Amino acid sequence: MICKKLSFSLLLATLTMGIVKAPVQAQYTEEILDISKLTCADFLKLSKDRESTITYLYAYVSGQKGQPIINASSAAATTDKVVDYCIANTQANLLETFKQFHE
């Protein structure tokens, strides 16, 4: 069990490090990222860090819902819905959008 917790912690740390380097200047400093303030426009501006952001937010919302298992097909379906919604609603809150479409 400790190994699983450590592996998840390492995964989360790796994902967070990738997000912190994202070019969304208004939402964080080098040490702090407030994911509750990210907009769809911020998300759409990401290039190389978009995949890390998607993975992190999907896992974050899954954790909030008490769902420790991530289904790849559900994650892909959620991602497609989020991207489509964000394109049409650039000022929408990204975290709330993930919560809305999370499967």
PDB file of N, CA and C in Angstrom:
ATOM      1  N   MET A   1       0.823  -1.188   0.000  1.00  0.00           N
ATOM      2  CA  MET A   1       0.000   0.000   0.000  1.00  0.00           C
ATOM      3  C   MET A   1       0.873   1.260   0.000  1.00  0.00           C
ATOM      4  N   ILE A   2       1.968   1.233   0.773  1.00  0.00           N
ATOM      5  CA  ILE A   2       2.870   2.384   0.827  1.00  0.00           C
ATOM      6  C   ILE A   2       3.479   2.636  -0.537  1.00  0.00           C
ATOM      7  N   CYS A   3       3.802   1.565  -1.252  1.00  0.00           N
ATOM      8  CA  CYS A   3       4.380   1.694  -2.582  1.00  0.00           C
ATOM      9  C   CYS A   3       3.393   2.372  -3.530  1.00  0.00           C
ATOM     10  N   LYS A   4       2.112   2.006  -3.454  1.00  0.00           N
ATOM     11  CA  LYS A   4       1.105   2.627  -4.307  1.00  0.00           C
ATOM     12  C   LYS A   4       0.969   4.112  -3.997  1.00  0.00           C
ATOM     13  N   LYS A   5       0.964   4.458  -2.701  1.00  0.00           N
ATOM     14  CA  LYS A   5       0.863   5.863  -2.317  1.00  0.00           C
ATOM     15  C   LYS A   5       2.072   6.645  -2.797  1.00  0.00           C
ATOM     16  N   LEU A   6       3.256   6.039  -2.679  1.00  0.00           N
ATOM     17  CA  LEU A   6       4.477   6.696  -3.121  1.00  0.00           C
ATOM     18  C   LEU A   6       4.457   6.896  -4.627  1.00  0.00           C
ATOM     19  N   SER A   7       4.028   5.864  -5.369  1.00  0.00           N
ATOM     20  CA  SER A   7       3.959   5.976  -6.831  1.00  0.00           C
ATOM     21  C   SER A   7       3.002   7.082  -7.247  1.00  0.00           C
ATOM     22  N   PHE A   8       1.840   7.153  -6.599  1.00  0.00           N
ATOM     23  CA  PHE A   8       0.879   8.198  -6.926  1.00  0.00           C
ATOM     24  C   PHE A   8       1.456   9.571  -6.578  1.00  0.00           C
ATOM     25  N   SER A   9       2.143   9.663  -5.443  1.00  0.00           N
ATOM     26  CA  SER A   9       2.746  10.933  -5.034  1.00  0.00           C
ATOM     27  C   SER A   9       3.792  11.379  -6.044  1.00  0.00           C
ATOM     28  N   LEU A  10       4.601  10.443  -6.525  1.00  0.00           N
ATOM     29  CA  LEU A  10       5.606  10.780  -7.527  1.00  0.00           C
ATOM     30  C   LEU A  10       4.958  11.214  -8.832  1.00  0.00           C
ATOM     31  N   LEU A  11       3.886  10.524  -9.234  1.00  0.00           N
ATOM     32  CA  LEU A  11       3.157  10.899 -10.444  1.00  0.00           C
ATOM     33  C   LEU A  11       2.592  12.307 -10.303  1.00  0.00           C
ATOM     34  N   LEU A  12       1.958  12.560  -9.181  1.00  0.00           N
ATOM     35  CA  LEU A  12       1.359  13.868  -8.938  1.00  0.00           C
ATOM     36  C   LEU A  12       2.427  14.962  -8.928  1.00  0.00           C
ATOM     37  N   ALA A  13       3.554  14.695  -8.308  1.00  0.00           N
ATOM     38  CA  ALA A  13       4.637  15.681  -8.276  1.00  0.00           C
ATOM     39  C   ALA A  13       5.174  15.953  -9.675  1.00  0.00           C
ATOM     40  N   THR A  14       5.321  14.905 -10.460  1.00  0.00           N
ATOM     41  CA  THR A  14       5.799  15.062 -11.838  1.00  0.00           C
ATOM     42  C   THR A  14       4.825  15.890 -12.659  1.00  0.00           C
ATOM     43  N   LEU A  15       3.535  15.592 -12.545  1.00  0.00           N
ATOM     44  CA  LEU A  15       2.524  16.342 -13.289  1.00  0.00           C
ATOM     45  C   LEU A  15       2.502  17.798 -12.852  1.00  0.00           C
ATOM     46  N   THR A  16       2.588  18.023 -11.571  1.00  0.00           N
ATOM     47  CA  THR A  16       2.538  19.385 -11.053  1.00  0.00           C
ATOM     48  C   THR A  16       3.739  20.181 -11.539  1.00  0.00           C
ATOM     49  N   MET A  17       4.904  19.561 -11.580  1.00  0.00           N
ATOM     50  CA  MET A  17       6.095  20.263 -12.061  1.00  0.00           C
ATOM     51  C   MET A  17       5.910  20.703 -13.503  1.00  0.00           C
ATOM     52  N   GLY A  18       5.296  19.862 -14.322  1.00  0.00           N
ATOM     53  CA  GLY A  18       5.056  20.231 -15.712  1.00  0.00           C
ATOM     54  C   GLY A  18       4.084  21.384 -15.832  1.00  0.00           C
ATOM     55  N   ILE A  19       3.077  21.426 -14.988  1.00  0.00           N
ATOM     56  CA  ILE A  19       2.079  22.491 -15.040  1.00  0.00           C
ATOM     57  C   ILE A  19       2.674  23.805 -14.576  1.00  0.00           C
ATOM     58  N   VAL A  20       3.492  23.781 -13.561  1.00  0.00           N
ATOM     59  CA  VAL A  20       4.047  25.018 -13.002  1.00  0.00           C
ATOM     60  C   VAL A  20       4.872  25.770 -14.028  1.00  0.00           C
ATOM     61  N   LYS A  21       5.402  25.079 -15.013  1.00  0.00           N
ATOM     62  CA  LYS A  21       6.198  25.740 -16.042  1.00  0.00           C
ATOM     63  C   LYS A  21       5.336  26.293 -17.178  1.00  0.00           C
ATOM     64  N   ALA A  22       4.039  26.112 -17.104  1.00  0.00           N
ATOM     65  CA  ALA A  22       3.129  26.556 -18.158  1.00  0.00           C
ATOM     66  C   ALA A  22       3.125  28.074 -18.264  1.00  0.00           C
ATOM     67  N   PRO A  23       2.869  28.622 -19.465  1.00  0.00           N
ATOM     68  CA  PRO A  23       2.947  30.065 -19.665  1.00  0.00           C
ATOM     69  C   PRO A  23       1.678  30.823 -19.290  1.00  0.00           C
ATOM     70  N   VAL A  24       1.043  30.483 -18.219  1.00  0.00           N
ATOM     71  CA  VAL A  24      -0.172  31.153 -17.786  1.00  0.00           C
ATOM     72  C   VAL A  24       0.216  32.042 -16.606  1.00  0.00           C
ATOM     73  N   GLN A  25       0.837  33.161 -16.894  1.00  0.00           N
ATOM     74  CA  GLN A  25       1.479  34.007 -15.898  1.00  0.00           C
ATOM     75  C   GLN A  25       0.551  34.516 -14.808  1.00  0.00           C
ATOM     76  N   ALA A  26      -0.682  34.844 -15.132  1.00  0.00           N
ATOM     77  CA  ALA A  26      -1.559  35.491 -14.163  1.00  0.00           C
ATOM     78  C   ALA A  26      -2.055  34.548 -13.074  1.00  0.00           C
ATOM     79  N   GLN A  27      -1.920  33.256 -13.248  1.00  0.00           N
ATOM     80  CA  GLN A  27      -2.546  32.311 -12.338  1.00  0.00           C
ATOM     81  C   GLN A  27      -1.615  31.698 -11.302  1.00  0.00           C
ATOM     82  N   TYR A  28      -0.312  31.882 -11.407  1.00  0.00           N
ATOM     83  CA  TYR A  28       0.579  31.245 -10.460  1.00  0.00           C
ATOM     84  C   TYR A  28       1.935  31.926 -10.423  1.00  0.00           C
ATOM     85  N   THR A  29       2.681  31.585  -9.402  1.00  0.00           N
ATOM     86  CA  THR A  29       4.090  31.950  -9.346  1.00  0.00           C
ATOM     87  C   THR A  29       4.854  30.664  -9.607  1.00  0.00           C
ATOM     88  N   GLU A  30       6.158  30.701  -9.523  1.00  0.00           N
ATOM     89  CA  GLU A  30       6.950  29.498  -9.746  1.00  0.00           C
ATOM     90  C   GLU A  30       6.604  28.393  -8.746  1.00  0.00           C
ATOM     91  N   GLU A  31       6.136  28.744  -7.558  1.00  0.00           N
ATOM     92  CA  GLU A  31       5.861  27.755  -6.532  1.00  0.00           C
ATOM     93  C   GLU A  31       4.381  27.430  -6.366  1.00  0.00           C
ATOM     94  N   ILE A  32       3.497  28.293  -6.822  1.00  0.00           N
ATOM     95  CA  ILE A  32       2.071  28.138  -6.521  1.00  0.00           C
ATOM     96  C   ILE A  32       1.239  28.207  -7.803  1.00  0.00           C
ATOM     97  N   LEU A  33       0.326  27.256  -7.932  1.00  0.00           N
ATOM     98  CA  LEU A  33      -0.624  27.243  -9.050  1.00  0.00           C
ATOM     99  C   LEU A  33      -2.014  27.081  -8.470  1.00  0.00           C
ATOM    100  N   ASP A  34      -2.891  28.015  -8.732  1.00  0.00           N
ATOM    101  CA  ASP A  34      -4.275  27.921  -8.267  1.00  0.00           C
ATOM    102  C   ASP A  34      -5.124  27.409  -9.422  1.00  0.00           C
ATOM    103  N   ILE A  35      -5.354  26.091  -9.442  1.00  0.00           N
ATOM    104  CA  ILE A  35      -6.089  25.507 -10.562  1.00  0.00           C
ATOM    105  C   ILE A  35      -7.536  25.961 -10.618  1.00  0.00           C
ATOM    106  N   SER A  36      -8.030  26.491  -9.520  1.00  0.00           N
ATOM    107  CA  SER A  36      -9.420  26.954  -9.513  1.00  0.00           C
ATOM    108  C   SER A  36      -9.595  28.238 -10.316  1.00  0.00           C
ATOM    109  N   LYS A  37      -8.505  28.895 -10.682  1.00  0.00           N
ATOM    110  CA  LYS A  37      -8.588  30.158 -11.410  1.00  0.00           C
ATOM    111  C   LYS A  37      -8.276  30.029 -12.906  1.00  0.00           C
ATOM    112  N   LEU A  38      -7.862  28.860 -13.350  1.00  0.00           N
ATOM    113  CA  LEU A  38      -7.548  28.676 -14.763  1.00  0.00           C
ATOM    114  C   LEU A  38      -8.817  28.737 -15.608  1.00  0.00           C
ATOM    115  N   THR A  39      -8.725  29.394 -16.734  1.00  0.00           N
ATOM    116  CA  THR A  39      -9.851  29.464 -17.665  1.00  0.00           C
ATOM    117  C   THR A  39      -9.603  28.536 -18.851  1.00  0.00           C
ATOM    118  N   CYS A  40     -10.633  28.337 -19.629  1.00  0.00           N
ATOM    119  CA  CYS A  40     -10.475  27.560 -20.856  1.00  0.00           C
ATOM    120  C   CYS A  40      -9.474  28.231 -21.792  1.00  0.00           C
ATOM    121  N   ALA A  41      -9.460  29.551 -21.818  1.00  0.00           N
ATOM    122  CA  ALA A  41      -8.495  30.269 -22.659  1.00  0.00           C
ATOM    123  C   ALA A  41      -7.069  29.966 -22.222  1.00  0.00           C
ATOM    124  N   ASP A  42      -6.819  29.934 -20.899  1.00  0.00           N
ATOM    125  CA  ASP A  42      -5.489  29.576 -20.390  1.00  0.00           C
ATOM    126  C   ASP A  42      -5.104  28.184 -20.875  1.00  0.00           C
ATOM    127  N   PHE A  43      -6.041  27.269 -20.768  1.00  0.00           N
ATOM    128  CA  PHE A  43      -5.810  25.885 -21.178  1.00  0.00           C
ATOM    129  C   PHE A  43      -5.508  25.780 -22.666  1.00  0.00           C
ATOM    130  N   LEU A  44      -6.269  26.478 -23.485  1.00  0.00           N
ATOM    131  CA  LEU A  44      -6.079  26.405 -24.931  1.00  0.00           C
ATOM    132  C   LEU A  44      -4.759  27.024 -25.376  1.00  0.00           C
ATOM    133  N   LYS A  45      -4.202  27.928 -24.581  1.00  0.00           N
ATOM    134  CA  LYS A  45      -2.914  28.552 -24.902  1.00  0.00           C
ATOM    135  C   LYS A  45      -1.732  27.642 -24.611  1.00  0.00           C
ATOM    136  N   LEU A  46      -1.955  26.607 -23.798  1.00  0.00           N
ATOM    137  CA  LEU A  46      -0.864  25.684 -23.476  1.00  0.00           C
ATOM    138  C   LEU A  46      -0.469  24.905 -24.715  1.00  0.00           C
ATOM    139  N   SER A  47       0.790  24.590 -24.825  1.00  0.00           N
ATOM    140  CA  SER A  47       1.226  23.756 -25.946  1.00  0.00           C
ATOM    141  C   SER A  47       1.721  22.421 -25.408  1.00  0.00           C
ATOM    142  N   LYS A  48       2.961  22.357 -24.972  1.00  0.00           N
ATOM    143  CA  LYS A  48       3.515  21.082 -24.527  1.00  0.00           C
ATOM    144  C   LYS A  48       2.963  20.626 -23.180  1.00  0.00           C
ATOM    145  N   ASP A  49       2.439  21.525 -22.379  1.00  0.00           N
ATOM    146  CA  ASP A  49       1.957  21.168 -21.048  1.00  0.00           C
ATOM    147  C   ASP A  49       0.468  20.827 -21.016  1.00  0.00           C
ATOM    148  N   ARG A  50      -0.200  20.867 -22.145  1.00  0.00           N
ATOM    149  CA  ARG A  50      -1.637  20.602 -22.172  1.00  0.00           C
ATOM    150  C   ARG A  50      -1.960  19.175 -21.712  1.00  0.00           C
ATOM    151  N   GLU A  51      -1.197  18.204 -22.168  1.00  0.00           N
ATOM    152  CA  GLU A  51      -1.459  16.815 -21.793  1.00  0.00           C
ATOM    153  C   GLU A  51      -1.277  16.607 -20.285  1.00  0.00           C
ATOM    154  N   SER A  52      -0.243  17.197 -19.709  1.00  0.00           N
ATOM    155  CA  SER A  52      -0.024  17.089 -18.261  1.00  0.00           C
ATOM    156  C   SER A  52      -1.166  17.739 -17.490  1.00  0.00           C
ATOM    157  N   THR A  53      -1.636  18.877 -17.990  1.00  0.00           N
ATOM    158  CA  THR A  53      -2.729  19.583 -17.335  1.00  0.00           C
ATOM    159  C   THR A  53      -4.004  18.752 -17.370  1.00  0.00           C
ATOM    160  N   ILE A  54      -4.290  18.145 -18.508  1.00  0.00           N
ATOM    161  CA  ILE A  54      -5.465  17.289 -18.645  1.00  0.00           C
ATOM    162  C   ILE A  54      -5.389  16.118 -17.668  1.00  0.00           C
ATOM    163  N   THR A  55      -4.243  15.467 -17.631  1.00  0.00           N
ATOM    164  CA  THR A  55      -4.072  14.317 -16.742  1.00  0.00           C
ATOM    165  C   THR A  55      -4.244  14.726 -15.290  1.00  0.00           C
ATOM    166  N   TYR A  56      -3.627  15.824 -14.918  1.00  0.00           N
ATOM    167  CA  TYR A  56      -3.711  16.297 -13.540  1.00  0.00           C
ATOM    168  C   TYR A  56      -5.160  16.623 -13.155  1.00  0.00           C
ATOM    169  N   LEU A  57      -5.844  17.394 -13.986  1.00  0.00           N
ATOM    170  CA  LEU A  57      -7.213  17.792 -13.656  1.00  0.00           C
ATOM    171  C   LEU A  57      -8.168  16.597 -13.634  1.00  0.00           C
ATOM    172  N   TYR A  58      -7.995  15.665 -14.558  1.00  0.00           N
ATOM    173  CA  TYR A  58      -8.850  14.480 -14.551  1.00  0.00           C
ATOM    174  C   TYR A  58      -8.644  13.694 -13.259  1.00  0.00           C
ATOM    175  N   ALA A  59      -7.383  13.518 -12.871  1.00  0.00           N
ATOM    176  CA  ALA A  59      -7.080  12.790 -11.630  1.00  0.00           C
ATOM    177  C   ALA A  59      -7.573  13.562 -10.409  1.00  0.00           C
ATOM    178  N   TYR A  60      -7.441  14.870 -10.438  1.00  0.00           N
ATOM    179  CA  TYR A  60      -7.896  15.702  -9.317  1.00  0.00           C
ATOM    180  C   TYR A  60      -9.403  15.563  -9.108  1.00  0.00           C
ATOM    181  N   VAL A  61     -10.166  15.676 -10.195  1.00  0.00           N
ATOM    182  CA  VAL A  61     -11.622  15.555 -10.104  1.00  0.00           C
ATOM    183  C   VAL A  61     -12.011  14.126  -9.723  1.00  0.00           C
ATOM    184  N   SER A  62     -11.309  13.129 -10.254  1.00  0.00           N
ATOM    185  CA  SER A  62     -11.574  11.740  -9.874  1.00  0.00           C
ATOM    186  C   SER A  62     -11.383  11.563  -8.374  1.00  0.00           C
ATOM    187  N   GLY A  63     -10.316  12.136  -7.838  1.00  0.00           N
ATOM    188  CA  GLY A  63     -10.059  12.056  -6.404  1.00  0.00           C
ATOM    189  C   GLY A  63     -11.144  12.735  -5.586  1.00  0.00           C
ATOM    190  N   GLN A  64     -11.599  13.898  -6.041  1.00  0.00           N
ATOM    191  CA  GLN A  64     -12.673  14.592  -5.338  1.00  0.00           C
ATOM    192  C   GLN A  64     -13.947  13.758  -5.294  1.00  0.00           C
ATOM    193  N   LYS A  65     -14.168  12.978  -6.353  1.00  0.00           N
ATOM    194  CA  LYS A  65     -15.369  12.146  -6.428  1.00  0.00           C
ATOM    195  C   LYS A  65     -15.167  10.785  -5.765  1.00  0.00           C
ATOM    196  N   GLY A  66     -13.994  10.566  -5.190  1.00  0.00           N
ATOM    197  CA  GLY A  66     -13.721   9.293  -4.536  1.00  0.00           C
ATOM    198  C   GLY A  66     -13.541   8.137  -5.506  1.00  0.00           C
ATOM    199  N   GLN A  67     -13.085   8.436  -6.713  1.00  0.00           N
ATOM    200  CA  GLN A  67     -12.885   7.415  -7.737  1.00  0.00           C
ATOM    201  C   GLN A  67     -11.383   7.187  -7.927  1.00  0.00           C
ATOM    202  N   PRO A  68     -10.811   6.181  -7.257  1.00  0.00           N
ATOM    203  CA  PRO A  68      -9.374   5.972  -7.323  1.00  0.00           C
ATOM    204  C   PRO A  68      -8.885   5.325  -8.616  1.00  0.00           C
ATOM    205  N   ILE A  69      -9.791   4.829  -9.434  1.00  0.00           N
ATOM    206  CA  ILE A  69      -9.409   4.156 -10.676  1.00  0.00           C
ATOM    207  C   ILE A  69      -9.723   5.080 -11.850  1.00  0.00           C
ATOM    208  N   ILE A  70      -8.745   5.230 -12.735  1.00  0.00           N
ATOM    209  CA  ILE A  70      -8.944   6.072 -13.915  1.00  0.00           C
ATOM    210  C   ILE A  70      -9.096   5.163 -15.129  1.00  0.00           C
ATOM    211  N   ASN A  71     -10.224   5.272 -15.791  1.00  0.00           N
ATOM    212  CA  ASN A  71     -10.525   4.519 -16.994  1.00  0.00           C
ATOM    213  C   ASN A  71     -10.072   5.351 -18.191  1.00  0.00           C
ATOM    214  N   ALA A  72      -9.161   4.807 -18.994  1.00  0.00           N
ATOM    215  CA  ALA A  72      -8.580   5.556 -20.107  1.00  0.00           C
ATOM    216  C   ALA A  72      -9.626   6.008 -21.119  1.00  0.00           C
ATOM    217  N   SER A  73     -10.607   5.177 -21.419  1.00  0.00           N
ATOM    218  CA  SER A  73     -11.615   5.576 -22.408  1.00  0.00           C
ATOM    219  C   SER A  73     -12.512   6.682 -21.849  1.00  0.00           C
ATOM    220  N   SER A  74     -12.828   6.626 -20.560  1.00  0.00           N
ATOM    221  CA  SER A  74     -13.616   7.698 -19.940  1.00  0.00           C
ATOM    222  C   SER A  74     -12.819   9.000 -19.899  1.00  0.00           C
ATOM    223  N   ALA A  75     -11.535   8.881 -19.600  1.00  0.00           N
ATOM    224  CA  ALA A  75     -10.675  10.067 -19.568  1.00  0.00           C
ATOM    225  C   ALA A  75     -10.588  10.706 -20.954  1.00  0.00           C
ATOM    226  N   ALA A  76     -10.484   9.885 -21.984  1.00  0.00           N
ATOM    227  CA  ALA A  76     -10.416  10.404 -23.352  1.00  0.00           C
ATOM    228  C   ALA A  76     -11.729  11.085 -23.738  1.00  0.00           C
ATOM    229  N   ALA A  77     -12.854  10.472 -23.375  1.00  0.00           N
ATOM    230  CA  ALA A  77     -14.163  11.054 -23.683  1.00  0.00           C
ATOM    231  C   ALA A  77     -14.341  12.387 -22.958  1.00  0.00           C
ATOM    232  N   THR A  78     -13.937  12.429 -21.694  1.00  0.00           N
ATOM    233  CA  THR A  78     -14.018  13.672 -20.920  1.00  0.00           C
ATOM    234  C   THR A  78     -13.152  14.742 -21.562  1.00  0.00           C
ATOM    235  N   THR A  79     -11.948  14.384 -21.941  1.00  0.00           N
ATOM    236  CA  THR A  79     -11.026  15.335 -22.562  1.00  0.00           C
ATOM    237  C   THR A  79     -11.612  15.910 -23.844  1.00  0.00           C
ATOM    238  N   ASP A  80     -12.181  15.071 -24.680  1.00  0.00           N
ATOM    239  CA  ASP A  80     -12.800  15.547 -25.926  1.00  0.00           C
ATOM    240  C   ASP A  80     -13.907  16.557 -25.640  1.00  0.00           C
ATOM    241  N   LYS A  81     -14.742  16.247 -24.651  1.00  0.00           N
ATOM    242  CA  LYS A  81     -15.843  17.154 -24.300  1.00  0.00           C
ATOM    243  C   LYS A  81     -15.310  18.475 -23.742  1.00  0.00           C
ATOM    244  N   VAL A  82     -14.295  18.398 -22.903  1.00  0.00           N
ATOM    245  CA  VAL A  82     -13.716  19.607 -22.311  1.00  0.00           C
ATOM    246  C   VAL A  82     -13.107  20.490 -23.390  1.00  0.00           C
ATOM    247  N   VAL A  83     -12.342  19.903 -24.297  1.00  0.00           N
ATOM    248  CA  VAL A  83     -11.711  20.693 -25.365  1.00  0.00           C
ATOM    249  C   VAL A  83     -12.773  21.353 -26.237  1.00  0.00           C
ATOM    250  N   ASP A  84     -13.787  20.610 -26.638  1.00  0.00           N
ATOM    251  CA  ASP A  84     -14.859  21.180 -27.461  1.00  0.00           C
ATOM    252  C   ASP A  84     -15.557  22.325 -26.734  1.00  0.00           C
ATOM    253  N   TYR A  85     -15.847  22.119 -25.459  1.00  0.00           N
ATOM    254  CA  TYR A  85     -16.519  23.154 -24.670  1.00  0.00           C
ATOM    255  C   TYR A  85     -15.623  24.382 -24.523  1.00  0.00           C
ATOM    256  N   CYS A  86     -14.348  24.154 -24.261  1.00  0.00           N
ATOM    257  CA  CYS A  86     -13.424  25.271 -24.076  1.00  0.00           C
ATOM    258  C   CYS A  86     -13.260  26.113 -25.340  1.00  0.00           C
ATOM    259  N   ILE A  87     -13.262  25.469 -26.475  1.00  0.00           N
ATOM    260  CA  ILE A  87     -13.150  26.211 -27.738  1.00  0.00           C
ATOM    261  C   ILE A  87     -14.329  27.174 -27.887  1.00  0.00           C
ATOM    262  N   ALA A  88     -15.505  26.724 -27.501  1.00  0.00           N
ATOM    263  CA  ALA A  88     -16.712  27.547 -27.626  1.00  0.00           C
ATOM    264  C   ALA A  88     -16.922  28.496 -26.446  1.00  0.00           C
ATOM    265  N   ASN A  89     -16.248  28.249 -25.318  1.00  0.00           N
ATOM    266  CA  ASN A  89     -16.465  29.032 -24.084  1.00  0.00           C
ATOM    267  C   ASN A  89     -15.125  29.367 -23.431  1.00  0.00           C
ATOM    268  N   THR A  90     -14.356  30.214 -24.057  1.00  0.00           N
ATOM    269  CA  THR A  90     -12.987  30.466 -23.613  1.00  0.00           C
ATOM    270  C   THR A  90     -12.879  31.080 -22.221  1.00  0.00           C
ATOM    271  N   GLN A  91     -13.904  31.754 -21.748  1.00  0.00           N
ATOM    272  CA  GLN A  91     -13.831  32.375 -20.420  1.00  0.00           C
ATOM    273  C   GLN A  91     -14.343  31.461 -19.304  1.00  0.00           C
ATOM    274  N   ALA A  92     -14.776  30.259 -19.660  1.00  0.00           N
ATOM    275  CA  ALA A  92     -15.267  29.317 -18.650  1.00  0.00           C
ATOM    276  C   ALA A  92     -14.128  28.877 -17.740  1.00  0.00           C
ATOM    277  N   ASN A  93     -14.472  28.548 -16.514  1.00  0.00           N
ATOM    278  CA  ASN A  93     -13.497  28.058 -15.545  1.00  0.00           C
ATOM    279  C   ASN A  93     -13.133  26.621 -15.916  1.00  0.00           C
ATOM    280  N   LEU A  94     -11.845  26.346 -16.053  1.00  0.00           N
ATOM    281  CA  LEU A  94     -11.394  25.036 -16.510  1.00  0.00           C
ATOM    282  C   LEU A  94     -11.725  23.921 -15.525  1.00  0.00           C
ATOM    283  N   LEU A  95     -11.504  24.143 -14.244  1.00  0.00           N
ATOM    284  CA  LEU A  95     -11.795  23.117 -13.248  1.00  0.00           C
ATOM    285  C   LEU A  95     -13.288  22.787 -13.220  1.00  0.00           C
ATOM    286  N   GLU A  96     -14.130  23.804 -13.261  1.00  0.00           N
ATOM    287  CA  GLU A  96     -15.579  23.573 -13.278  1.00  0.00           C
ATOM    288  C   GLU A  96     -16.002  22.837 -14.542  1.00  0.00           C
ATOM    289  N   THR A  97     -15.338  23.120 -15.644  1.00  0.00           N
ATOM    290  CA  THR A  97     -15.627  22.424 -16.896  1.00  0.00           C
ATOM    291  C   THR A  97     -15.290  20.943 -16.768  1.00  0.00           C
ATOM    292  N   PHE A  98     -14.131  20.628 -16.175  1.00  0.00           N
ATOM    293  CA  PHE A  98     -13.780  19.223 -15.952  1.00  0.00           C
ATOM    294  C   PHE A  98     -14.793  18.544 -15.040  1.00  0.00           C
ATOM    295  N   LYS A  99     -15.223  19.235 -14.001  1.00  0.00           N
ATOM    296  CA  LYS A  99     -16.220  18.651 -13.101  1.00  0.00           C
ATOM    297  C   LYS A  99     -17.531  18.366 -13.840  1.00  0.00           C
ATOM    298  N   GLN A 100     -17.896  19.272 -14.737  1.00  0.00           N
ATOM    299  CA  GLN A 100     -19.151  19.129 -15.486  1.00  0.00           C
ATOM    300  C   GLN A 100     -19.130  17.916 -16.408  1.00  0.00           C
ATOM    301  N   PHE A 101     -17.990  17.686 -17.057  1.00  0.00           N
ATOM    302  CA  PHE A 101     -17.932  16.626 -18.068  1.00  0.00           C
ATOM    303  C   PHE A 101     -17.249  15.343 -17.595  1.00  0.00           C
ATOM    304  N   HIS A 102     -16.771  15.310 -16.381  1.00  0.00           N
ATOM    305  CA  HIS A 102     -16.070  14.138 -15.855  1.00  0.00           C
ATOM    306  C   HIS A 102     -16.984  12.912 -15.876  1.00  0.00           C
ATOM    307  N   GLU A 103     -16.469  11.819 -16.415  1.00  0.00           N
ATOM    308  CA  GLU A 103     -17.241  10.558 -16.489  1.00  0.00           C
ATOM    309  C   GLU A 103     -16.686   9.576 -15.486  1.00  0.00           C
TER     310      GLU A 103
END
